[in-house]
Protein backbone atom coordinates (compact mmCIF):
# COMPACT_ATOMS: atom_id res chain seq x y z
CA UNK A 1 26.36 19.13 -1.33
CA UNK A 2 27.25 16.02 0.69
CA UNK A 3 25.56 12.70 0.00
CA UNK A 4 24.06 12.67 3.51
CA UNK A 5 22.65 16.14 2.94
CA UNK A 6 20.97 14.93 -0.23
CA UNK A 7 19.49 11.96 1.62
CA UNK A 8 18.13 14.25 4.36
CA UNK A 9 16.48 16.53 1.82
CA UNK A 10 15.09 13.59 -0.11
CA UNK A 11 13.76 11.99 3.06
CA UNK A 12 12.01 15.19 4.11
CA UNK A 13 10.38 15.51 0.69
CA UNK A 14 9.28 11.87 0.74
CA UNK A 15 7.86 12.03 4.25
CA UNK A 16 5.93 15.22 3.56
CA UNK A 17 4.69 13.98 0.18
CA UNK A 18 3.57 10.66 1.60
CA UNK A 19 1.82 12.33 4.52
CA UNK A 20 -0.01 14.74 2.21
CA UNK A 21 -0.94 11.90 -0.13
CA UNK A 22 -2.31 9.72 2.67
CA UNK A 23 -4.31 12.56 4.22
CA UNK A 24 -5.83 13.31 0.83
CA UNK A 25 -6.31 9.57 0.33
CA UNK A 26 -8.50 9.55 3.41
CA UNK A 27 -10.41 12.55 2.09
CA UNK A 28 -10.82 10.74 -1.22
CA UNK A 29 -12.33 7.72 0.50
CA UNK A 30 -14.62 9.96 2.53
CA UNK A 31 -15.88 11.77 -0.58
CA UNK A 32 -16.29 8.49 -2.46
CA UNK A 33 -18.27 7.04 0.46
CA UNK A 34 -20.46 10.15 0.42
CA UNK A 35 -21.08 9.50 -3.27
CA UNK A 36 -21.80 5.75 -3.30
CA UNK A 37 -21.65 4.51 0.30
CA UNK A 38 -19.25 2.17 2.06
CA UNK A 39 -20.82 -1.31 1.95
CA UNK A 40 -23.35 -0.94 -0.88
CA UNK A 41 -23.60 -2.98 -4.07
CA UNK A 42 -22.33 -0.02 -6.08
CA UNK A 43 -19.37 0.51 -3.72
CA UNK A 44 -18.39 -3.17 -3.92
CA UNK A 45 -18.69 -3.22 -7.73
CA UNK A 46 -16.54 -0.10 -8.04
CA UNK A 47 -14.01 -1.50 -5.54
CA UNK A 48 -13.49 -4.63 -7.64
CA UNK A 49 -13.17 -2.70 -10.93
CA UNK A 50 -10.94 0.09 -9.63
CA UNK A 51 -8.71 -2.44 -7.90
CA UNK A 52 -8.01 -4.32 -11.14
CA UNK A 53 -5.44 -1.87 -12.58
CA UNK A 54 -3.62 -1.82 -9.24
CA UNK A 55 -3.54 -5.62 -9.11
CA UNK A 56 -2.39 -5.89 -12.70
CA UNK A 57 0.24 -3.19 -12.20
CA UNK A 58 1.71 -4.96 -9.18
CA UNK A 59 1.56 -8.33 -10.91
CA UNK A 60 3.02 -7.29 -14.26
CA UNK A 61 5.13 -4.24 -13.54
CA UNK A 62 5.30 -2.83 -10.04
CA UNK A 63 7.19 -5.61 -8.31
CA UNK A 64 9.55 -6.00 -11.25
CA UNK A 65 10.48 -2.34 -11.10
CA UNK A 66 11.15 -2.52 -7.38
CA UNK A 67 13.26 -5.63 -7.85
CA UNK A 68 15.41 -4.65 -10.82
CA UNK A 69 15.19 -1.07 -11.98
CA UNK A 70 16.98 0.85 -9.22
CA UNK A 71 19.91 -1.61 -8.90
CA UNK A 72 20.30 -1.78 -12.69
CA UNK A 73 20.20 2.01 -13.17
CA UNK A 74 22.67 2.55 -10.32
CA UNK A 75 25.05 0.09 -11.98
CA UNK A 76 24.49 1.61 -15.42
CA UNK A 77 25.34 5.12 -14.28
CA UNK A 78 28.48 3.81 -12.58
CA UNK A 79 29.68 2.53 -15.96
CA UNK A 80 28.59 5.70 -17.79
CA UNK A 81 25.85 3.89 -19.69
CA UNK A 82 22.93 5.12 -17.64
CA UNK A 83 21.13 7.31 -20.16
CA UNK A 84 21.19 4.74 -22.94
CA UNK A 85 19.91 2.10 -20.53
CA UNK A 86 17.10 4.39 -19.36
CA UNK A 87 16.14 5.25 -22.95
CA UNK A 88 15.91 1.61 -23.96
CA UNK A 89 14.07 0.63 -20.81
CA UNK A 90 11.49 3.42 -21.12
CA UNK A 91 10.93 2.74 -24.81
CA UNK A 92 10.39 -0.97 -24.28
CA UNK A 93 8.32 -0.27 -21.18
CA UNK A 94 5.95 2.19 -22.83
CA UNK A 95 5.37 -0.08 -25.80
CA UNK A 96 4.77 -3.12 -23.60
CA UNK A 97 2.43 -1.14 -21.35
CA UNK A 98 0.35 0.04 -24.28
CA UNK A 99 -0.06 -3.45 -25.69
CA UNK A 100 -0.81 -5.14 -22.38
CA UNK A 101 -3.27 -2.43 -21.33
CA UNK A 102 -5.17 -2.73 -24.61
CA UNK A 103 -5.50 -6.52 -24.33
CA UNK A 104 -6.48 -6.47 -20.66
CA UNK A 105 -9.08 -3.76 -21.20
CA UNK A 106 -10.75 -5.98 -23.78
CA UNK A 107 -10.61 -8.79 -21.23
CA UNK A 108 -12.47 -6.77 -18.59
CA UNK A 109 -15.42 -9.23 -18.29
CA UNK A 110 -13.02 -12.14 -17.75
CA UNK A 111 -11.01 -10.26 -15.13
CA UNK A 112 -14.11 -9.18 -13.20
CA UNK A 113 -15.28 -12.79 -13.18
CA UNK A 114 -11.87 -13.94 -11.99
CA UNK A 115 -11.65 -11.53 -9.06
CA UNK A 116 -15.30 -11.46 -7.94
CA UNK A 117 -18.07 -13.77 -6.95
CA UNK A 118 -21.16 -11.57 -7.19
CA UNK A 119 -24.40 -13.54 -7.30
CA UNK A 120 -26.23 -10.50 -8.68
CA UNK A 121 -26.00 -10.27 -12.49
CA UNK A 122 -26.71 -6.52 -12.46
CA UNK A 123 -23.88 -5.92 -10.00
CA UNK A 124 -21.51 -7.98 -12.17
CA UNK A 125 -22.47 -5.97 -15.27
CA UNK A 126 -21.89 -2.72 -13.37
CA UNK A 127 -18.45 -3.93 -12.25
CA UNK A 128 -17.57 -4.79 -15.87
CA UNK A 129 -18.65 -1.34 -17.05
CA UNK A 130 -16.54 0.28 -14.35
CA UNK A 131 -13.63 -1.97 -15.37
CA UNK A 132 -13.69 -0.80 -19.00
CA UNK A 133 -13.09 2.73 -17.69
CA UNK A 134 -10.61 1.77 -14.95
CA UNK A 135 -8.26 -0.81 -16.50
CA UNK A 136 -6.63 1.80 -18.82
CA UNK A 137 -5.16 3.21 -15.60
CA UNK A 138 -2.65 0.36 -15.94
CA UNK A 139 -0.70 2.21 -18.65
CA UNK A 140 -0.40 5.35 -16.54
CA UNK A 141 0.44 3.46 -13.33
CA UNK A 142 3.18 1.76 -15.32
CA UNK A 143 4.48 5.05 -16.70
CA UNK A 144 4.46 6.49 -13.19
CA UNK A 145 6.41 3.48 -11.94
CA UNK A 146 8.99 3.62 -14.72
CA UNK A 147 9.63 7.35 -14.47
CA UNK A 148 9.49 7.37 -10.68
CA UNK A 149 12.03 4.60 -10.22
CA UNK A 150 14.40 6.30 -12.65
CA UNK A 151 14.09 9.44 -10.53
CA UNK A 152 14.76 7.44 -7.37
CA UNK A 153 17.86 5.91 -8.93
CA UNK A 154 19.05 9.44 -9.71
CA UNK A 155 18.55 10.44 -6.06
CA UNK A 156 15.42 12.51 -6.72
CA UNK A 157 12.87 11.03 -4.30
CA UNK A 158 10.38 13.85 -3.77
CA UNK A 159 8.43 13.90 -7.07
CA UNK A 160 7.68 10.17 -6.91
CA UNK A 161 6.14 10.57 -3.46
CA UNK A 162 4.30 13.82 -4.24
CA UNK A 163 2.73 12.69 -7.53
CA UNK A 164 -0.07 10.68 -5.80
CA UNK A 165 -1.17 13.96 -4.19
CA UNK A 166 -2.14 15.20 -7.64
CA UNK A 167 -4.01 11.94 -8.27
CA UNK A 168 -6.03 12.38 -5.08
CA UNK A 169 -6.82 16.02 -5.82
CA UNK A 170 -8.13 15.19 -9.29
CA UNK A 171 -10.14 12.22 -8.03
CA UNK A 172 -11.63 14.19 -5.14
CA UNK A 173 -12.68 16.92 -7.55
CA UNK A 174 -14.30 14.34 -9.84
CA UNK A 175 -16.15 12.62 -7.01
CA UNK A 176 -17.22 16.05 -5.82
CA UNK A 177 -18.69 16.72 -9.26
CA UNK A 178 -20.56 13.41 -8.97
CA UNK A 179 -22.07 14.51 -5.66
CA UNK A 180 -22.91 17.96 -7.02
CA UNK A 181 -24.65 16.49 -10.06
CA UNK A 182 -26.38 13.53 -8.43
CA UNK A 183 -26.45 14.59 -4.74
CA UNK A 184 -24.72 11.50 -3.37
CA UNK A 185 -25.84 8.31 -1.72
CA UNK A 186 -28.01 9.86 1.00
CA UNK A 187 -30.23 11.71 -1.44
CA UNK A 188 -30.26 9.44 -4.49
CA UNK A 189 -30.13 6.05 -2.82
CA UNK A 190 -27.32 4.90 -5.11
CA UNK A 191 -27.05 1.62 -3.22
CA UNK A 192 -28.35 -1.15 -5.45
CA UNK A 193 -26.44 -1.77 -8.67
CA UNK A 194 -29.58 -1.29 -10.74
CA UNK A 195 -29.87 2.32 -9.55
CA UNK A 196 -26.76 3.54 -11.41
CA UNK A 197 -27.26 5.35 -14.72
CA UNK A 198 -24.76 5.44 -17.58
CA UNK A 199 -23.88 9.05 -16.83
CA UNK A 200 -23.28 8.33 -13.16
CA UNK A 201 -21.10 5.35 -14.00
CA UNK A 202 -19.02 7.38 -16.47
CA UNK A 203 -18.46 10.35 -14.17
CA UNK A 204 -17.43 8.15 -11.26
CA UNK A 205 -15.00 5.88 -13.13
CA UNK A 206 -13.55 8.63 -15.33
CA UNK A 207 -12.74 10.68 -12.21
CA UNK A 208 -10.62 7.83 -10.86
CA UNK A 209 -8.82 7.28 -14.17
CA UNK A 210 -8.03 10.95 -14.78
CA UNK A 211 -6.37 11.07 -11.38
CA UNK A 212 -3.92 8.35 -12.40
CA UNK A 213 -3.23 10.12 -15.72
CA UNK A 214 -2.29 13.26 -13.80
CA UNK A 215 -0.11 11.26 -11.39
CA UNK A 216 2.07 10.06 -14.26
CA UNK A 217 2.10 13.33 -16.18
CA UNK A 218 3.52 15.44 -13.34
CA UNK A 219 6.74 13.35 -13.31
CA UNK A 220 7.74 14.46 -16.82
CA UNK A 221 9.07 17.91 -15.83
CA UNK A 222 10.72 16.39 -12.73
CA UNK A 223 12.60 13.97 -14.97
CA UNK A 224 13.99 16.86 -16.99
CA UNK A 225 15.09 18.67 -13.83
CA UNK A 226 16.93 15.53 -12.75
CA UNK A 227 18.97 15.64 -15.95
CA UNK A 228 17.25 12.75 -17.73
CA UNK A 229 16.69 13.56 -21.40
CA UNK A 230 14.69 10.72 -22.85
CA UNK A 231 14.74 9.81 -26.52
CA UNK A 232 13.34 6.55 -27.96
CA UNK A 233 15.87 3.76 -28.42
CA UNK A 234 15.03 0.28 -29.64
CA UNK A 235 16.85 -3.02 -29.24
CA UNK A 236 18.15 -4.97 -26.25
CA UNK A 237 21.63 -6.06 -27.26
CA UNK A 238 24.30 -4.55 -25.05
CA UNK A 239 21.78 -2.77 -22.86
CA UNK A 240 22.31 -4.97 -19.80
CA UNK A 241 18.63 -5.91 -19.73
CA UNK A 242 19.41 -9.60 -19.91
CA UNK A 243 20.27 -9.71 -16.21
CA UNK A 244 17.22 -7.61 -15.45
CA UNK A 245 15.10 -10.06 -17.40
CA UNK A 246 16.29 -12.99 -15.32
CA UNK A 247 15.52 -11.14 -12.10
CA UNK A 248 12.13 -10.13 -13.49
CA UNK A 249 11.22 -13.75 -14.22
CA UNK A 250 11.60 -14.78 -10.59
CA UNK A 251 9.89 -11.62 -9.37
CA UNK A 252 6.91 -12.25 -11.62
CA UNK A 253 6.71 -15.83 -10.39
CA UNK A 254 6.52 -14.64 -6.80
CA UNK A 255 3.94 -11.99 -7.60
CA UNK A 256 1.91 -14.53 -9.55
CA UNK A 257 1.79 -16.80 -6.52
CA UNK A 258 0.62 -13.87 -4.42
CA UNK A 259 -2.11 -13.06 -6.92
CA UNK A 260 -3.41 -16.63 -6.84
CA UNK A 261 -3.91 -16.07 -3.14
CA UNK A 262 -5.58 -12.73 -3.71
CA UNK A 263 -8.03 -14.24 -6.19
CA UNK A 264 -9.27 -16.49 -3.38
CA UNK A 265 -9.45 -13.52 -1.01
CA UNK A 266 -11.38 -11.46 -3.56
CA UNK A 267 -13.87 -14.22 -4.27
CA UNK A 268 -14.55 -14.88 -0.59
CA UNK A 269 -14.92 -11.15 0.20
CA UNK A 270 -17.30 -10.51 -2.72
CA UNK A 271 -19.44 -13.50 -1.73
CA UNK A 272 -19.72 -12.45 1.94
CA UNK A 273 -22.46 -9.76 1.67
CA UNK A 274 -24.88 -11.93 -0.34
CA UNK A 275 -24.27 -14.94 1.89
CA UNK A 276 -24.93 -12.87 5.01
CA UNK A 277 -28.09 -11.30 3.56
CA UNK A 278 -29.36 -14.78 2.69
CA UNK A 279 -29.00 -15.64 6.38
CA UNK A 280 -30.98 -12.55 7.42
CA UNK A 281 -28.33 -9.83 7.80
CA UNK A 282 -29.46 -6.32 6.72
CA UNK A 283 -28.29 -5.26 3.25
CA UNK A 284 -25.27 -2.95 3.39
CA UNK A 285 -24.19 -4.08 6.89
CA UNK A 286 -21.64 -6.75 5.98
CA UNK A 287 -17.96 -6.36 5.14
CA UNK A 288 -17.28 -7.05 1.47
CA UNK A 289 -14.58 -6.03 -1.03
CA UNK A 290 -14.96 -2.31 -0.35
CA UNK A 291 -14.71 -2.89 3.40
CA UNK A 292 -11.56 -4.90 2.71
CA UNK A 293 -10.15 -1.95 0.73
CA UNK A 294 -10.96 0.52 3.49
CA UNK A 295 -9.42 -1.69 6.14
CA UNK A 296 -6.33 -2.06 3.97
CA UNK A 297 -6.18 1.72 3.47
CA UNK A 298 -6.05 2.21 7.25
CA UNK A 299 -3.45 -0.54 7.52
CA UNK A 300 -1.25 0.98 4.80
CA UNK A 301 -1.31 4.52 6.22
CA UNK A 302 1.50 4.08 8.77
CA UNK A 303 3.38 1.70 6.48
CA UNK A 304 3.43 4.30 3.72
CA UNK A 305 4.36 7.18 5.98
CA UNK A 306 7.54 5.64 7.38
CA UNK A 307 8.42 2.18 6.06
CA UNK A 308 8.03 2.98 2.36
CA UNK A 309 9.79 6.35 2.68
CA UNK A 310 12.70 4.83 4.56
CA UNK A 311 12.96 1.78 2.31
CA UNK A 312 12.83 3.88 -0.86
CA UNK A 313 15.67 6.14 0.23
CA UNK A 314 17.62 3.23 1.69
CA UNK A 315 17.30 1.10 -1.43
CA UNK A 316 19.53 3.20 -3.68
CA UNK A 317 22.34 3.20 -1.12
CA UNK A 318 21.75 -0.46 -0.25
CA UNK A 319 22.10 -1.36 -3.91
CA UNK A 320 25.41 0.49 -4.05
CA UNK A 321 26.64 -1.37 -0.95
CA UNK A 322 25.58 -4.69 -2.46
CA UNK A 323 27.27 -3.85 -5.77
CA UNK A 324 30.50 -3.05 -3.91
CA UNK A 325 30.18 -6.19 -1.75
CA UNK A 326 30.20 -3.95 1.32
CA UNK A 327 28.63 -6.30 3.90
CA UNK A 328 29.18 -3.96 6.88
CA UNK A 329 27.35 -1.21 4.97
CA UNK A 330 24.45 -3.54 4.13
CA UNK A 331 24.15 -4.72 7.73
CA UNK A 332 24.34 -1.20 9.16
CA UNK A 333 21.61 0.08 6.85
CA UNK A 334 19.44 -2.97 7.53
CA UNK A 335 19.76 -2.78 11.32
CA UNK A 336 19.07 0.94 11.43
CA UNK A 337 16.08 0.63 9.13
CA UNK A 338 14.53 -2.23 11.13
CA UNK A 339 14.91 -0.35 14.39
CA UNK A 340 13.59 3.00 13.18
CA UNK A 341 10.67 1.41 11.34
CA UNK A 342 9.88 -0.66 14.43
CA UNK A 343 9.66 2.41 16.66
CA UNK A 344 6.85 3.70 14.45
CA UNK A 345 5.00 0.50 13.49
CA UNK A 346 4.71 -0.75 17.08
CA UNK A 347 3.00 2.47 18.14
CA UNK A 348 0.89 2.64 14.97
CA UNK A 349 -0.38 -0.87 15.67
CA UNK A 350 -1.44 0.06 19.20
CA UNK A 351 -3.02 3.38 18.18
CA UNK A 352 -5.02 2.03 15.25
CA UNK A 353 -6.11 -1.04 17.21
CA UNK A 354 -7.59 1.27 19.86
CA UNK A 355 -9.04 3.77 17.38
CA UNK A 356 -10.26 1.37 14.68
CA UNK A 357 -13.94 2.24 15.13
CA UNK A 358 -13.57 6.05 15.41
CA UNK A 359 -11.28 6.06 12.36
CA UNK A 360 -13.79 4.16 10.25
CA UNK A 361 -16.59 6.43 11.45
CA UNK A 362 -14.56 9.40 10.20
CA UNK A 363 -13.96 7.70 6.86
CA UNK A 364 -17.64 6.77 6.46
CA UNK A 365 -19.05 9.96 7.91
CA UNK A 366 -22.07 9.99 5.57
CA UNK A 367 -22.72 6.25 5.60
CA UNK A 368 -24.92 4.33 8.00
CA UNK A 369 -23.38 3.45 11.39
CA UNK A 370 -23.55 -0.23 10.48
CA UNK A 371 -20.97 0.33 7.72
CA UNK A 372 -18.37 1.58 10.23
CA UNK A 373 -19.08 -1.36 12.52
CA UNK A 374 -18.47 -3.69 9.55
CA UNK A 375 -15.16 -2.10 8.51
CA UNK A 376 -13.56 -1.50 11.95
CA UNK A 377 -12.95 -5.20 12.80
CA UNK A 378 -11.34 -5.68 9.38
CA UNK A 379 -8.91 -2.80 10.05
CA UNK A 380 -8.14 -4.24 13.49
CA UNK A 381 -7.45 -7.71 12.09
CA UNK A 382 -5.03 -6.30 9.52
CA UNK A 383 -3.20 -3.84 11.77
CA UNK A 384 -1.98 -6.47 14.24
CA UNK A 385 0.39 -7.71 11.54
CA UNK A 386 1.88 -4.27 10.81
CA UNK A 387 5.21 -4.64 12.68
CA UNK A 388 5.91 -7.97 10.96
CA UNK A 389 4.91 -6.46 7.60
CA UNK A 390 7.37 -3.61 8.13
CA UNK A 391 10.23 -6.02 8.82
CA UNK A 392 9.26 -8.21 5.86
CA UNK A 393 9.25 -5.17 3.56
CA UNK A 394 12.76 -4.15 4.63
CA UNK A 395 14.03 -7.70 4.16
CA UNK A 396 12.61 -7.72 0.63
CA UNK A 397 14.67 -4.67 -0.28
CA UNK A 398 17.86 -6.43 0.79
CA UNK A 399 17.18 -9.39 -1.50
CA UNK A 400 16.31 -7.03 -4.35
CA UNK A 401 19.50 -5.02 -3.78
CA UNK A 402 21.39 -8.24 -4.51
CA UNK A 403 19.10 -8.85 -7.53
CA UNK A 404 18.04 -12.09 -5.86
CA UNK A 405 14.31 -12.43 -6.47
CA UNK A 406 14.64 -16.21 -6.70
CA UNK A 407 15.23 -16.63 -2.96
CA UNK A 408 12.00 -14.75 -2.25
CA UNK A 409 9.82 -17.19 -4.21
CA UNK A 410 9.50 -19.93 -1.57
CA UNK A 411 8.73 -17.28 1.05
CA UNK A 412 5.96 -15.83 -1.09
CA UNK A 413 4.54 -19.28 -1.77
CA UNK A 414 4.30 -20.05 1.94
CA UNK A 415 2.73 -16.64 2.66
CA UNK A 416 0.14 -17.14 -0.09
CA UNK A 417 -0.73 -20.59 1.26
CA UNK A 418 -1.31 -19.13 4.72
CA UNK A 419 -3.68 -16.50 3.32
CA UNK A 420 -5.58 -18.99 1.15
CA UNK A 421 -6.01 -21.46 4.00
CA UNK A 422 -7.11 -18.61 6.26
CA UNK A 423 -9.69 -17.40 3.73
CA UNK A 424 -11.14 -20.87 3.24
CA UNK A 425 -11.12 -21.53 7.00
CA UNK A 426 -12.98 -18.27 7.57
CA UNK A 427 -15.62 -19.27 5.04
CA UNK A 428 -15.95 -22.74 6.55
CA UNK A 429 -16.04 -21.87 10.25
CA UNK A 430 -17.12 -18.23 10.60
CA UNK A 431 -20.35 -16.40 9.95
CA UNK A 432 -20.35 -14.54 6.57
CA UNK A 433 -20.34 -11.28 8.54
CA UNK A 434 -16.81 -12.19 9.71
CA UNK A 435 -15.30 -13.71 6.57
CA UNK A 436 -13.33 -10.58 5.70
CA UNK A 437 -12.16 -10.25 9.32
CA UNK A 438 -10.82 -13.79 9.10
CA UNK A 439 -9.03 -12.86 5.88
CA UNK A 440 -7.41 -9.90 7.65
CA UNK A 441 -6.15 -12.14 10.45
CA UNK A 442 -4.74 -14.65 7.96
CA UNK A 443 -2.89 -11.81 6.23
CA UNK A 444 -1.35 -10.74 9.54
CA UNK A 445 -0.26 -14.31 10.20
CA UNK A 446 1.28 -14.54 6.73
CA UNK A 447 3.42 -11.45 7.44
CA UNK A 448 4.79 -13.11 10.58
CA UNK A 449 5.57 -16.30 8.67
CA UNK A 450 7.18 -14.34 5.82
CA UNK A 451 9.26 -12.29 8.24
CA UNK A 452 10.65 -15.36 10.02
CA UNK A 453 11.30 -17.35 6.84
CA UNK A 454 13.04 -14.48 5.02
CA UNK A 455 15.12 -13.75 8.13
CA UNK A 456 16.45 -17.29 8.07
CA UNK A 457 17.37 -16.96 4.38
CA UNK A 458 18.93 -13.55 4.86
CA UNK A 459 21.14 -14.71 7.72
CA UNK A 460 22.59 -17.33 5.40
CA UNK A 461 23.43 -14.64 2.88
CA UNK A 462 24.85 -11.74 4.90
CA UNK A 463 25.45 -13.27 8.32
CA UNK A 464 24.46 -11.35 11.44
CA UNK A 465 21.32 -9.19 11.22
CA UNK A 466 22.00 -7.48 14.56
CA UNK A 467 19.02 -9.45 15.82
CA UNK A 468 19.63 -8.98 19.54
CA UNK A 469 19.70 -5.21 19.25
CA UNK A 470 16.65 -5.11 16.99
CA UNK A 471 14.68 -7.45 19.27
CA UNK A 472 15.52 -5.44 22.41
CA UNK A 473 14.33 -2.26 20.75
CA UNK A 474 11.02 -3.88 19.72
CA UNK A 475 10.50 -5.27 23.22
CA UNK A 476 10.98 -1.86 24.83
CA UNK A 477 8.74 -0.21 22.26
CA UNK A 478 6.13 -2.91 22.88
CA UNK A 479 6.06 -2.15 26.60
CA UNK A 480 5.62 1.57 25.94
CA UNK A 481 2.90 0.86 23.36
CA UNK A 482 0.95 -1.44 25.71
CA UNK A 483 0.92 1.22 28.44
CA UNK A 484 -0.25 3.89 25.98
CA UNK A 485 -2.91 1.52 24.59
CA UNK A 486 -4.31 0.76 28.06
CA UNK A 487 -4.66 4.45 28.86
CA UNK A 488 -6.02 5.14 25.37
CA UNK A 489 -8.76 2.54 25.75
CA UNK A 490 -9.82 4.06 29.06
CA UNK A 491 -9.93 7.59 27.63
CA UNK A 492 -11.82 6.36 24.57
CA UNK A 493 -14.39 4.63 26.80
CA UNK A 494 -14.98 7.85 28.76
CA UNK A 495 -15.19 10.01 25.64
CA UNK A 496 -17.61 7.59 23.94
CA UNK A 497 -20.01 7.99 26.87
CA UNK A 498 -19.80 11.79 26.74
CA UNK A 499 -19.65 12.56 23.01
CA UNK A 500 -22.32 12.10 20.33
CA UNK A 501 -21.98 9.03 18.12
CA UNK A 502 -21.42 11.16 15.03
CA UNK A 503 -18.64 12.50 12.83
CA UNK A 504 -17.57 15.31 15.19
CA UNK A 505 -17.44 12.93 18.13
CA UNK A 506 -15.30 10.46 16.16
CA UNK A 507 -12.86 13.21 15.14
CA UNK A 508 -12.51 14.38 18.76
CA UNK A 509 -11.92 10.80 19.90
CA UNK A 510 -9.19 10.27 17.29
CA UNK A 511 -7.43 13.54 18.08
CA UNK A 512 -7.60 13.36 21.88
CA UNK A 513 -6.88 9.65 22.28
CA UNK A 514 -4.21 9.69 19.57
CA UNK A 515 -2.44 12.65 21.18
CA UNK A 516 -2.52 11.12 24.65
CA UNK A 517 -1.25 7.78 23.39
CA UNK A 518 1.49 9.48 21.37
CA UNK A 519 2.73 11.52 24.33
CA UNK A 520 2.70 8.50 26.63
CA UNK A 521 4.52 6.40 24.03
CA UNK A 522 7.26 8.98 23.46
CA UNK A 523 7.63 9.42 27.22
CA UNK A 524 7.86 5.67 27.67
CA UNK A 525 10.54 5.41 24.98
CA UNK A 526 12.55 8.13 26.71
CA UNK A 527 12.30 6.35 30.06
CA UNK A 528 13.32 3.06 28.44
CA UNK A 529 16.15 4.81 26.56
CA UNK A 530 15.04 3.88 23.05
CA UNK A 531 17.44 6.08 21.09
CA UNK A 532 15.99 5.16 17.70
CA UNK A 533 13.22 7.66 18.42
CA UNK A 534 15.68 10.44 17.60
CA UNK A 535 16.38 8.85 14.22
CA UNK A 536 12.65 8.79 13.48
CA UNK A 537 11.84 12.32 14.55
CA UNK A 538 14.88 14.30 13.72
CA UNK A 539 14.16 13.98 10.73
CA UNK A 540 13.57 10.54 9.25
CA UNK A 541 16.79 9.09 7.79
CA UNK A 542 18.94 11.84 9.31
CA UNK A 543 21.36 9.26 10.68
CA UNK A 544 21.23 6.69 7.94
CA UNK A 545 24.65 5.02 8.27
CA UNK A 546 26.94 3.56 5.70
CA UNK A 547 29.48 4.67 3.22
CA UNK A 548 29.36 4.57 -0.53
CA UNK A 549 31.81 2.24 -2.19
């Protein structure tokens, strides 16, 4: 089979797996909200605890894998040392994961205190209890990352993207058991932290953790099918991990800077509900850490569907181009990726901006209306930065393909400073009901700053980025998106007056308005002759350019 044929098949698998995972992710959030609400004390405590393994994974492992593993494995297989490298890497990785996970689980009270600012002692204790159950997810997230990136380096993209589907299915089933046993938030009033029993806490947190266990486990047979036969190997000498270690050091430094910013974000968001209630706002009506998570989930949906799928498939080939010093190949892949991603992210920004409230009403279909009104502005504030975030993500992959994490550090420092200043400014100048919205806007601004700064650095490294062509495509897409958004807002206004303010009405609004906007956008792109639409739809990555070596 040709290399392009393999890329097309891999892209189709990734796109379908990501779409299924994100749809089930929405269902997961809906079921979880039915169990414990959207802006309750219990929901915020669980959000902080269940976020910890994700934060720790990205800080300690996730970014390092993205930065070093695929380029290193590609190079190792080119010199016929791939399997030994993978064996040593997996052995060291599993041992390190086990040790780090054990220590961090014991440190659960410290971590909860670091990432939260609850003024309610009962809510803090509940978050710590959740954390003891959730932090062990770190080991399995790490195993998933290690095995998945090895599969990607071998050209097997589908299993890595489909594994989160299993996670969501297991979690949904567990949260469903919670509702079946305890009847959910509407019937039990599981709102205040003091209302949670030990059994309820265990069932809820264990459901989330078992999902991550399943996500890692399903990659084991896929690894065998890809021809990887793992056996433990110890020792670093001659493995080539010295270069990887140097890249990892700079990557960790950048991620650490980002996490310092997120600590500020987390503390401000956890303090917002109590501060607002103290000023007279109704309990459960203010955006806090769980509202932040839901807004970020909506923000990440389009990014995951297209940008991540494209970047993941592109990265292996980009690493090969970089290894061969093939600058035309690097530029061609970069330009194509920026343009195809832009076609999607520009429309996604317009569509989600218009449909922010109906989308959150669907997510929080069992929660009080005030919860949706608290989350929707957060999603809106985040989504305006989506096009810049897509470009920034593609630029990152280029630096990582050259194993140059050091150049990214000053960019990440500046982005973190923008977010921190934005969070503090929100707390100083906005009402507590809008602190998390201010955080979302500062994040969007940081993506713009990061995009511009990294573009300057990248031009110095590889020369032309085909900027004129990329900018013209974004401008045309922007015109088409603005027209579709204007019509979408009008249709949404008319539907809102005619439909009930309930779940069914919100679903109809999303489907009808989304379809109309999509048709208008595609028509506008055709009129404006935006040819990248074909690359996005027929199927994704079908025309990925470049030659290997």
